[in-house]
């Protein structure tokens, strides 16, 4: 229901914008469409990669990895998540699939928070765009916050 409200509000905003300035609205929509098309190959590639990995790796092995308990298991999964970077729209369905395979919620919390907030493998691209200092500070703060969130979720769940 909430997504319907958001979609209606967004479409209403586009309609109002179109009435106020048709040329700028058209330019903005074209820019958004181009940006979305530029992201499409990456999203398809990541989806295919995750799907192939889920098909190639036995479910029992994944379940064992995500049943790792204690501090060692927490940091193992947090490290694995920190290496990879997957956007939220892909990470959350992945978490749902892993949960159905038997992964514990606390392990998923540490994995997903680092997976979406930290990206060591993509940091060279971030350095080019934002600089070394910014990237280091953002990655460090994201890692600390992701570990705190994961630990808190482990305690609460």
N, C-alpha and C. Protein backbone atom coordinates (compact mmCIF):
# COMPACT_ATOMS: atom_id res chain seq x y z
N UNK A 1 0.81 -1.18 0.00
CA UNK A 1 0.00 0.00 0.00
C UNK A 1 0.87 1.26 0.00
N UNK A 2 1.94 1.23 0.80
CA UNK A 2 2.83 2.39 0.88
C UNK A 2 3.47 2.68 -0.47
N UNK A 3 3.83 1.64 -1.21
CA UNK A 3 4.44 1.85 -2.52
C UNK A 3 3.45 2.49 -3.49
N UNK A 4 2.18 2.16 -3.37
CA UNK A 4 1.15 2.79 -4.22
C UNK A 4 1.06 4.28 -3.90
N UNK A 5 1.12 4.63 -2.63
CA UNK A 5 1.08 6.04 -2.23
C UNK A 5 2.30 6.77 -2.78
N UNK A 6 3.48 6.17 -2.65
CA UNK A 6 4.69 6.81 -3.17
C UNK A 6 4.63 6.97 -4.68
N UNK A 7 4.19 5.95 -5.38
CA UNK A 7 4.09 6.02 -6.84
C UNK A 7 3.09 7.08 -7.26
N UNK A 8 1.95 7.16 -6.59
CA UNK A 8 0.95 8.17 -6.89
C UNK A 8 1.50 9.58 -6.65
N UNK A 9 2.22 9.76 -5.54
CA UNK A 9 2.81 11.07 -5.24
C UNK A 9 3.85 11.45 -6.29
N UNK A 10 4.67 10.48 -6.71
CA UNK A 10 5.69 10.76 -7.72
C UNK A 10 5.04 11.13 -9.06
N UNK A 11 4.05 10.35 -9.47
CA UNK A 11 3.36 10.66 -10.73
C UNK A 11 2.64 12.01 -10.65
N UNK A 12 2.06 12.30 -9.50
CA UNK A 12 1.42 13.61 -9.31
C UNK A 12 2.43 14.74 -9.42
N UNK A 13 3.59 14.52 -8.85
CA UNK A 13 4.65 15.53 -8.95
C UNK A 13 5.10 15.75 -10.38
N UNK A 14 5.19 14.68 -11.14
CA UNK A 14 5.58 14.81 -12.55
C UNK A 14 4.51 15.56 -13.33
N UNK A 15 3.26 15.26 -13.06
CA UNK A 15 2.16 15.96 -13.74
C UNK A 15 2.18 17.45 -13.41
N UNK A 16 2.33 17.79 -12.13
CA UNK A 16 2.39 19.20 -11.72
C UNK A 16 3.59 19.88 -12.38
N UNK A 17 4.73 19.20 -12.37
CA UNK A 17 5.93 19.75 -13.00
C UNK A 17 5.70 19.98 -14.49
N UNK A 18 5.02 19.03 -15.14
CA UNK A 18 4.73 19.16 -16.57
C UNK A 18 3.86 20.36 -16.87
N UNK A 19 2.90 20.65 -16.02
CA UNK A 19 2.07 21.82 -16.21
C UNK A 19 2.85 23.12 -16.00
N UNK A 20 3.78 23.10 -15.06
CA UNK A 20 4.53 24.33 -14.74
C UNK A 20 5.60 24.62 -15.78
N UNK A 21 6.35 23.59 -16.21
CA UNK A 21 7.41 23.79 -17.21
C UNK A 21 7.61 22.50 -17.99
N UNK A 22 6.94 22.41 -19.12
CA UNK A 22 6.94 21.20 -19.91
C UNK A 22 8.33 20.84 -20.42
N UNK A 23 9.12 21.82 -20.84
CA UNK A 23 10.45 21.54 -21.40
C UNK A 23 11.40 20.98 -20.34
N UNK A 24 11.40 21.57 -19.16
CA UNK A 24 12.29 21.08 -18.09
C UNK A 24 11.86 19.70 -17.61
N UNK A 25 10.58 19.47 -17.54
CA UNK A 25 10.08 18.16 -17.13
C UNK A 25 10.50 17.10 -18.14
N UNK A 26 10.34 17.41 -19.42
CA UNK A 26 10.76 16.47 -20.47
C UNK A 26 12.26 16.20 -20.40
N UNK A 27 13.06 17.24 -20.19
CA UNK A 27 14.52 17.08 -20.08
C UNK A 27 14.87 16.22 -18.87
N UNK A 28 14.19 16.44 -17.76
CA UNK A 28 14.46 15.66 -16.55
C UNK A 28 14.08 14.20 -16.74
N UNK A 29 12.95 13.94 -17.39
CA UNK A 29 12.54 12.56 -17.64
C UNK A 29 13.49 11.86 -18.60
N UNK A 30 13.97 12.58 -19.62
CA UNK A 30 14.95 11.98 -20.53
C UNK A 30 16.26 11.67 -19.82
N UNK A 31 16.69 12.58 -18.96
CA UNK A 31 17.92 12.35 -18.20
C UNK A 31 17.74 11.14 -17.27
N UNK A 32 16.60 11.04 -16.62
CA UNK A 32 16.33 9.91 -15.73
C UNK A 32 16.30 8.60 -16.51
N UNK A 33 15.69 8.62 -17.69
CA UNK A 33 15.64 7.40 -18.52
C UNK A 33 17.03 6.98 -18.95
N UNK A 34 17.86 7.94 -19.35
CA UNK A 34 19.24 7.62 -19.75
C UNK A 34 20.03 7.06 -18.57
N UNK A 35 19.85 7.64 -17.40
CA UNK A 35 20.55 7.15 -16.21
C UNK A 35 20.12 5.73 -15.89
N UNK A 36 18.83 5.47 -15.98
CA UNK A 36 18.32 4.13 -15.71
C UNK A 36 18.85 3.11 -16.71
N UNK A 37 18.91 3.51 -17.98
CA UNK A 37 19.45 2.60 -19.01
C UNK A 37 20.94 2.36 -18.81
N UNK A 38 21.66 3.36 -18.32
CA UNK A 38 23.09 3.17 -18.04
C UNK A 38 23.31 2.20 -16.88
N UNK A 39 22.38 2.17 -15.92
CA UNK A 39 22.50 1.26 -14.78
C UNK A 39 22.05 -0.15 -15.11
N UNK A 40 21.24 -0.30 -16.15
CA UNK A 40 20.65 -1.59 -16.47
C UNK A 40 21.68 -2.70 -16.68
N UNK A 41 22.77 -2.49 -17.47
CA UNK A 41 23.74 -3.59 -17.63
C UNK A 41 24.36 -4.04 -16.30
N UNK A 42 24.65 -3.10 -15.42
CA UNK A 42 25.24 -3.47 -14.12
C UNK A 42 24.25 -4.28 -13.29
N UNK A 43 23.00 -3.85 -13.27
CA UNK A 43 21.99 -4.57 -12.48
C UNK A 43 21.74 -5.95 -13.05
N UNK A 44 21.69 -6.07 -14.37
CA UNK A 44 21.48 -7.38 -14.98
C UNK A 44 22.68 -8.28 -14.69
N UNK A 45 23.88 -7.72 -14.80
CA UNK A 45 25.10 -8.49 -14.51
C UNK A 45 25.15 -8.97 -13.07
N UNK A 46 24.81 -8.07 -12.13
CA UNK A 46 24.82 -8.46 -10.72
C UNK A 46 23.75 -9.51 -10.44
N UNK A 47 22.58 -9.34 -11.04
CA UNK A 47 21.51 -10.31 -10.83
C UNK A 47 21.92 -11.67 -11.38
N UNK A 48 22.51 -11.68 -12.56
CA UNK A 48 22.97 -12.94 -13.15
C UNK A 48 24.07 -13.57 -12.29
N UNK A 49 25.00 -12.74 -11.81
CA UNK A 49 26.09 -13.25 -10.97
C UNK A 49 25.58 -13.87 -9.68
N UNK A 50 24.64 -13.19 -9.02
CA UNK A 50 24.08 -13.72 -7.78
C UNK A 50 23.30 -15.00 -8.07
N UNK A 51 22.53 -15.01 -9.16
CA UNK A 51 21.76 -16.20 -9.52
C UNK A 51 22.66 -17.38 -9.83
N UNK A 52 23.73 -17.14 -10.59
CA UNK A 52 24.67 -18.22 -10.90
C UNK A 52 25.37 -18.74 -9.65
N UNK A 53 25.75 -17.82 -8.77
CA UNK A 53 26.40 -18.25 -7.53
C UNK A 53 25.45 -19.07 -6.67
N UNK A 54 24.19 -18.63 -6.60
CA UNK A 54 23.21 -19.38 -5.79
C UNK A 54 22.94 -20.75 -6.41
N UNK A 55 23.02 -20.84 -7.74
CA UNK A 55 22.79 -22.13 -8.40
C UNK A 55 24.02 -23.03 -8.30
N UNK A 56 25.22 -22.45 -8.35
CA UNK A 56 26.44 -23.25 -8.35
C UNK A 56 26.85 -23.72 -6.96
N UNK A 57 26.58 -22.91 -5.95
CA UNK A 57 26.98 -23.25 -4.58
C UNK A 57 25.83 -24.02 -3.93
N UNK A 58 26.10 -25.18 -3.40
CA UNK A 58 25.02 -25.97 -2.77
C UNK A 58 24.37 -25.22 -1.61
N UNK A 59 23.06 -25.37 -1.51
CA UNK A 59 22.30 -24.68 -0.46
C UNK A 59 22.79 -25.07 0.94
N UNK A 60 23.23 -26.32 1.09
CA UNK A 60 23.71 -26.74 2.41
C UNK A 60 24.97 -26.00 2.81
N UNK A 61 25.85 -25.73 1.84
CA UNK A 61 27.08 -24.98 2.12
C UNK A 61 26.75 -23.54 2.52
N UNK A 62 25.80 -22.93 1.80
CA UNK A 62 25.39 -21.56 2.13
C UNK A 62 24.77 -21.54 3.52
N UNK A 63 23.92 -22.51 3.80
CA UNK A 63 23.26 -22.56 5.11
C UNK A 63 24.30 -22.74 6.22
N UNK A 64 25.32 -23.59 5.98
CA UNK A 64 26.37 -23.77 6.99
C UNK A 64 27.14 -22.49 7.22
N UNK A 65 27.45 -21.78 6.14
CA UNK A 65 28.19 -20.52 6.25
C UNK A 65 27.40 -19.51 7.07
N UNK A 66 26.09 -19.44 6.83
CA UNK A 66 25.27 -18.46 7.51
C UNK A 66 24.75 -18.94 8.85
N UNK A 67 25.11 -20.15 9.24
CA UNK A 67 24.80 -20.61 10.59
C UNK A 67 25.99 -20.43 11.53
N UNK A 68 27.07 -19.84 11.00
CA UNK A 68 28.25 -19.62 11.82
C UNK A 68 27.87 -18.74 13.01
N UNK A 69 28.12 -19.23 14.19
CA UNK A 69 27.72 -18.51 15.39
C UNK A 69 28.95 -17.89 16.05
N UNK A 70 28.68 -17.00 16.94
CA UNK A 70 29.74 -16.40 17.72
C UNK A 70 30.41 -15.25 17.00
N UNK A 71 31.44 -14.74 17.62
CA UNK A 71 32.16 -13.59 17.11
C UNK A 71 32.85 -13.90 15.79
N UNK A 72 33.43 -15.10 15.68
CA UNK A 72 34.13 -15.47 14.45
C UNK A 72 33.17 -15.51 13.26
N UNK A 73 32.00 -16.10 13.45
CA UNK A 73 31.01 -16.15 12.38
C UNK A 73 30.51 -14.77 12.00
N UNK A 74 30.30 -13.93 13.00
CA UNK A 74 29.84 -12.57 12.76
C UNK A 74 30.84 -11.81 11.90
N UNK A 75 32.13 -11.88 12.28
CA UNK A 75 33.15 -11.15 11.53
C UNK A 75 33.43 -11.78 10.17
N UNK A 76 33.29 -13.09 10.05
CA UNK A 76 33.45 -13.74 8.75
C UNK A 76 32.41 -13.24 7.76
N UNK A 77 31.16 -13.23 8.17
CA UNK A 77 30.09 -12.77 7.28
C UNK A 77 30.16 -11.26 7.04
N UNK A 78 30.54 -10.50 8.06
CA UNK A 78 30.70 -9.06 7.87
C UNK A 78 31.83 -8.78 6.88
N UNK A 79 32.91 -9.54 6.96
CA UNK A 79 34.03 -9.37 6.02
C UNK A 79 33.62 -9.73 4.60
N UNK A 80 32.86 -10.80 4.46
CA UNK A 80 32.37 -11.20 3.14
C UNK A 80 31.47 -10.12 2.55
N UNK A 81 30.59 -9.58 3.37
CA UNK A 81 29.72 -8.50 2.91
C UNK A 81 30.48 -7.23 2.58
N UNK A 82 31.56 -6.94 3.35
CA UNK A 82 32.33 -5.73 3.11
C UNK A 82 33.10 -5.81 1.79
N UNK A 83 33.49 -7.00 1.39
CA UNK A 83 34.19 -7.14 0.12
C UNK A 83 33.29 -6.84 -1.06
N UNK A 84 32.08 -7.30 -1.00
CA UNK A 84 31.13 -7.15 -2.09
C UNK A 84 30.33 -5.87 -1.91
N UNK A 85 29.73 -5.40 -2.97
CA UNK A 85 28.79 -4.29 -2.88
C UNK A 85 27.60 -4.62 -3.75
N UNK A 86 26.45 -4.69 -3.14
CA UNK A 86 25.22 -4.96 -3.88
C UNK A 86 24.20 -3.93 -3.44
N UNK A 87 23.50 -3.30 -4.37
CA UNK A 87 22.48 -2.32 -3.97
C UNK A 87 21.33 -2.99 -3.23
N UNK A 88 20.66 -2.20 -2.39
CA UNK A 88 19.56 -2.69 -1.58
C UNK A 88 18.49 -3.47 -2.33
N UNK A 89 18.03 -2.98 -3.49
CA UNK A 89 16.99 -3.73 -4.20
C UNK A 89 17.39 -5.15 -4.58
N UNK A 90 18.68 -5.43 -4.62
CA UNK A 90 19.13 -6.80 -4.88
C UNK A 90 19.51 -7.51 -3.59
N UNK A 91 20.00 -6.77 -2.61
CA UNK A 91 20.49 -7.38 -1.37
C UNK A 91 19.36 -7.95 -0.53
N UNK A 92 18.24 -7.26 -0.47
CA UNK A 92 17.16 -7.71 0.40
C UNK A 92 16.49 -8.98 -0.11
N UNK A 93 16.22 -9.11 -1.42
CA UNK A 93 15.72 -10.41 -1.88
C UNK A 93 16.74 -11.54 -1.67
N UNK A 94 18.03 -11.21 -1.82
CA UNK A 94 19.07 -12.20 -1.54
C UNK A 94 19.00 -12.64 -0.08
N UNK A 95 18.80 -11.69 0.82
CA UNK A 95 18.68 -12.02 2.24
C UNK A 95 17.46 -12.90 2.48
N UNK A 96 16.35 -12.62 1.79
CA UNK A 96 15.17 -13.45 1.93
C UNK A 96 15.43 -14.88 1.46
N UNK A 97 16.15 -15.02 0.35
CA UNK A 97 16.49 -16.36 -0.16
C UNK A 97 17.39 -17.09 0.82
N UNK A 98 18.38 -16.39 1.37
CA UNK A 98 19.29 -17.01 2.33
C UNK A 98 18.55 -17.39 3.61
N UNK A 99 17.59 -16.58 4.01
CA UNK A 99 16.81 -16.90 5.21
C UNK A 99 15.97 -18.16 4.97
N UNK A 100 15.40 -18.29 3.78
CA UNK A 100 14.63 -19.50 3.45
C UNK A 100 15.53 -20.73 3.39
N UNK A 101 16.84 -20.52 3.12
CA UNK A 101 17.78 -21.63 3.08
C UNK A 101 18.23 -22.02 4.48
N UNK A 102 17.86 -21.22 5.47
CA UNK A 102 18.19 -21.58 6.84
C UNK A 102 19.18 -20.66 7.52
N UNK A 103 19.51 -19.55 6.90
CA UNK A 103 20.47 -18.62 7.51
C UNK A 103 19.83 -17.96 8.73
N UNK A 104 20.64 -17.75 9.76
CA UNK A 104 20.14 -17.11 10.97
C UNK A 104 19.98 -15.61 10.73
N UNK A 105 19.04 -15.00 11.44
CA UNK A 105 18.79 -13.57 11.24
C UNK A 105 19.95 -12.70 11.68
N UNK A 106 20.63 -13.08 12.75
CA UNK A 106 21.76 -12.26 13.20
C UNK A 106 22.90 -12.32 12.20
N UNK A 107 23.14 -13.47 11.59
CA UNK A 107 24.18 -13.58 10.57
C UNK A 107 23.80 -12.76 9.35
N UNK A 108 22.54 -12.81 8.97
CA UNK A 108 22.08 -12.02 7.83
C UNK A 108 22.19 -10.53 8.11
N UNK A 109 21.92 -10.12 9.34
CA UNK A 109 22.02 -8.70 9.70
C UNK A 109 23.44 -8.19 9.50
N UNK A 110 24.43 -8.94 9.97
CA UNK A 110 25.82 -8.50 9.80
C UNK A 110 26.23 -8.53 8.33
N UNK A 111 25.76 -9.52 7.60
CA UNK A 111 26.10 -9.64 6.18
C UNK A 111 25.47 -8.52 5.36
N UNK A 112 24.19 -8.28 5.54
CA UNK A 112 23.47 -7.30 4.72
C UNK A 112 23.90 -5.88 5.03
N UNK A 113 24.14 -5.56 6.29
CA UNK A 113 24.56 -4.19 6.61
C UNK A 113 25.91 -3.87 5.98
N UNK A 114 26.86 -4.79 6.05
CA UNK A 114 28.15 -4.51 5.42
C UNK A 114 28.04 -4.60 3.89
N UNK A 115 27.17 -5.47 3.40
CA UNK A 115 27.00 -5.64 1.95
C UNK A 115 26.49 -4.37 1.30
N UNK A 116 25.60 -3.66 1.96
CA UNK A 116 25.02 -2.46 1.37
C UNK A 116 25.75 -1.18 1.75
N UNK A 117 26.51 -1.19 2.84
CA UNK A 117 27.14 0.05 3.29
C UNK A 117 28.63 0.15 2.96
N UNK A 118 29.30 -0.97 2.83
CA UNK A 118 30.75 -0.98 2.62
C UNK A 118 31.03 -1.66 1.29
N UNK A 119 32.02 -1.19 0.56
CA UNK A 119 32.35 -1.83 -0.71
C UNK A 119 33.84 -1.73 -0.99
N UNK A 120 34.59 -2.68 -0.50
CA UNK A 120 36.04 -2.63 -0.68
C UNK A 120 36.43 -2.84 -2.14
N UNK A 121 35.74 -3.74 -2.84
CA UNK A 121 36.08 -4.00 -4.23
C UNK A 121 35.75 -2.84 -5.15
N UNK A 122 34.78 -2.02 -4.78
CA UNK A 122 34.42 -0.87 -5.61
C UNK A 122 35.08 0.42 -5.15
N UNK A 123 35.93 0.36 -4.15
CA UNK A 123 36.56 1.58 -3.64
C UNK A 123 37.48 2.26 -4.67
N UNK A 124 38.18 1.55 -5.57
CA UNK A 124 38.97 2.29 -6.56
C UNK A 124 38.12 3.22 -7.44
N UNK A 125 36.93 2.78 -7.78
CA UNK A 125 36.03 3.63 -8.56
C UNK A 125 35.58 4.82 -7.72
N UNK A 126 35.35 4.60 -6.44
CA UNK A 126 34.94 5.68 -5.55
C UNK A 126 36.08 6.68 -5.35
N UNK A 127 37.32 6.19 -5.28
CA UNK A 127 38.47 7.07 -5.14
C UNK A 127 38.58 8.00 -6.35
N UNK A 128 38.35 7.45 -7.54
CA UNK A 128 38.41 8.28 -8.75
C UNK A 128 37.35 9.36 -8.74
N UNK A 129 36.17 9.04 -8.22
CA UNK A 129 35.07 10.00 -8.24
C UNK A 129 35.15 11.01 -7.10
N UNK A 130 35.54 10.57 -5.89
CA UNK A 130 35.45 11.43 -4.71
C UNK A 130 36.77 11.71 -4.01
N UNK A 131 37.82 11.01 -4.38
CA UNK A 131 39.11 11.23 -3.73
C UNK A 131 39.39 10.19 -2.66
N UNK A 132 40.68 10.03 -2.37
CA UNK A 132 41.13 9.01 -1.42
C UNK A 132 40.67 9.27 0.01
N UNK A 133 40.77 10.52 0.46
CA UNK A 133 40.43 10.85 1.85
C UNK A 133 38.95 10.61 2.11
N UNK A 134 38.09 11.12 1.23
CA UNK A 134 36.65 10.93 1.39
C UNK A 134 36.30 9.45 1.40
N UNK A 135 36.87 8.70 0.47
CA UNK A 135 36.57 7.27 0.38
C UNK A 135 36.99 6.55 1.64
N UNK A 136 38.17 6.86 2.14
CA UNK A 136 38.64 6.20 3.37
C UNK A 136 37.72 6.51 4.55
N UNK A 137 37.35 7.78 4.70
CA UNK A 137 36.49 8.16 5.83
C UNK A 137 35.12 7.50 5.69
N UNK A 138 34.54 7.54 4.48
CA UNK A 138 33.22 6.94 4.28
C UNK A 138 33.24 5.43 4.50
N UNK A 139 34.25 4.77 3.95
CA UNK A 139 34.35 3.31 4.12
C UNK A 139 34.54 2.94 5.59
N UNK A 140 35.39 3.68 6.29
CA UNK A 140 35.65 3.39 7.70
C UNK A 140 34.41 3.59 8.55
N UNK A 141 33.76 4.74 8.38
CA UNK A 141 32.54 5.00 9.15
C UNK A 141 31.44 4.00 8.80
N UNK A 142 31.32 3.65 7.53
CA UNK A 142 30.31 2.68 7.12
C UNK A 142 30.58 1.32 7.74
N UNK A 143 31.83 0.91 7.78
CA UNK A 143 32.18 -0.38 8.37
C UNK A 143 31.86 -0.40 9.86
N UNK A 144 32.24 0.65 10.57
CA UNK A 144 31.97 0.71 12.01
C UNK A 144 30.46 0.70 12.26
N UNK A 145 29.73 1.53 11.53
CA UNK A 145 28.27 1.57 11.72
C UNK A 145 27.61 0.25 11.32
N UNK A 146 28.07 -0.36 10.25
CA UNK A 146 27.50 -1.64 9.83
C UNK A 146 27.74 -2.72 10.88
N UNK A 147 28.94 -2.74 11.47
CA UNK A 147 29.22 -3.73 12.52
C UNK A 147 28.36 -3.47 13.76
N UNK A 148 28.18 -2.19 14.10
CA UNK A 148 27.32 -1.87 15.25
C UNK A 148 25.87 -2.27 14.98
N UNK A 149 25.38 -2.00 13.78
CA UNK A 149 24.02 -2.37 13.43
C UNK A 149 23.86 -3.88 13.44
N UNK A 150 24.81 -4.58 12.84
CA UNK A 150 24.76 -6.03 12.82
C UNK A 150 24.78 -6.62 14.23
N UNK A 151 25.64 -6.08 15.09
CA UNK A 151 25.72 -6.58 16.46
C UNK A 151 24.43 -6.28 17.22
N UNK A 152 23.90 -5.09 17.04
CA UNK A 152 22.64 -4.74 17.70
C UNK A 152 21.50 -5.64 17.24
N UNK A 153 21.43 -5.91 15.94
CA UNK A 153 20.40 -6.80 15.43
C UNK A 153 20.59 -8.22 15.98
N UNK A 154 21.85 -8.64 16.10
CA UNK A 154 22.11 -9.95 16.68
C UNK A 154 21.63 -10.06 18.12
N UNK A 155 21.78 -8.97 18.87
CA UNK A 155 21.32 -8.95 20.26
C UNK A 155 19.79 -8.91 20.32
N UNK A 156 19.18 -8.10 19.47
CA UNK A 156 17.73 -7.94 19.48
C UNK A 156 17.00 -9.15 18.92
N UNK A 157 17.60 -9.80 17.92
CA UNK A 157 16.92 -10.94 17.30
C UNK A 157 17.33 -12.22 18.00
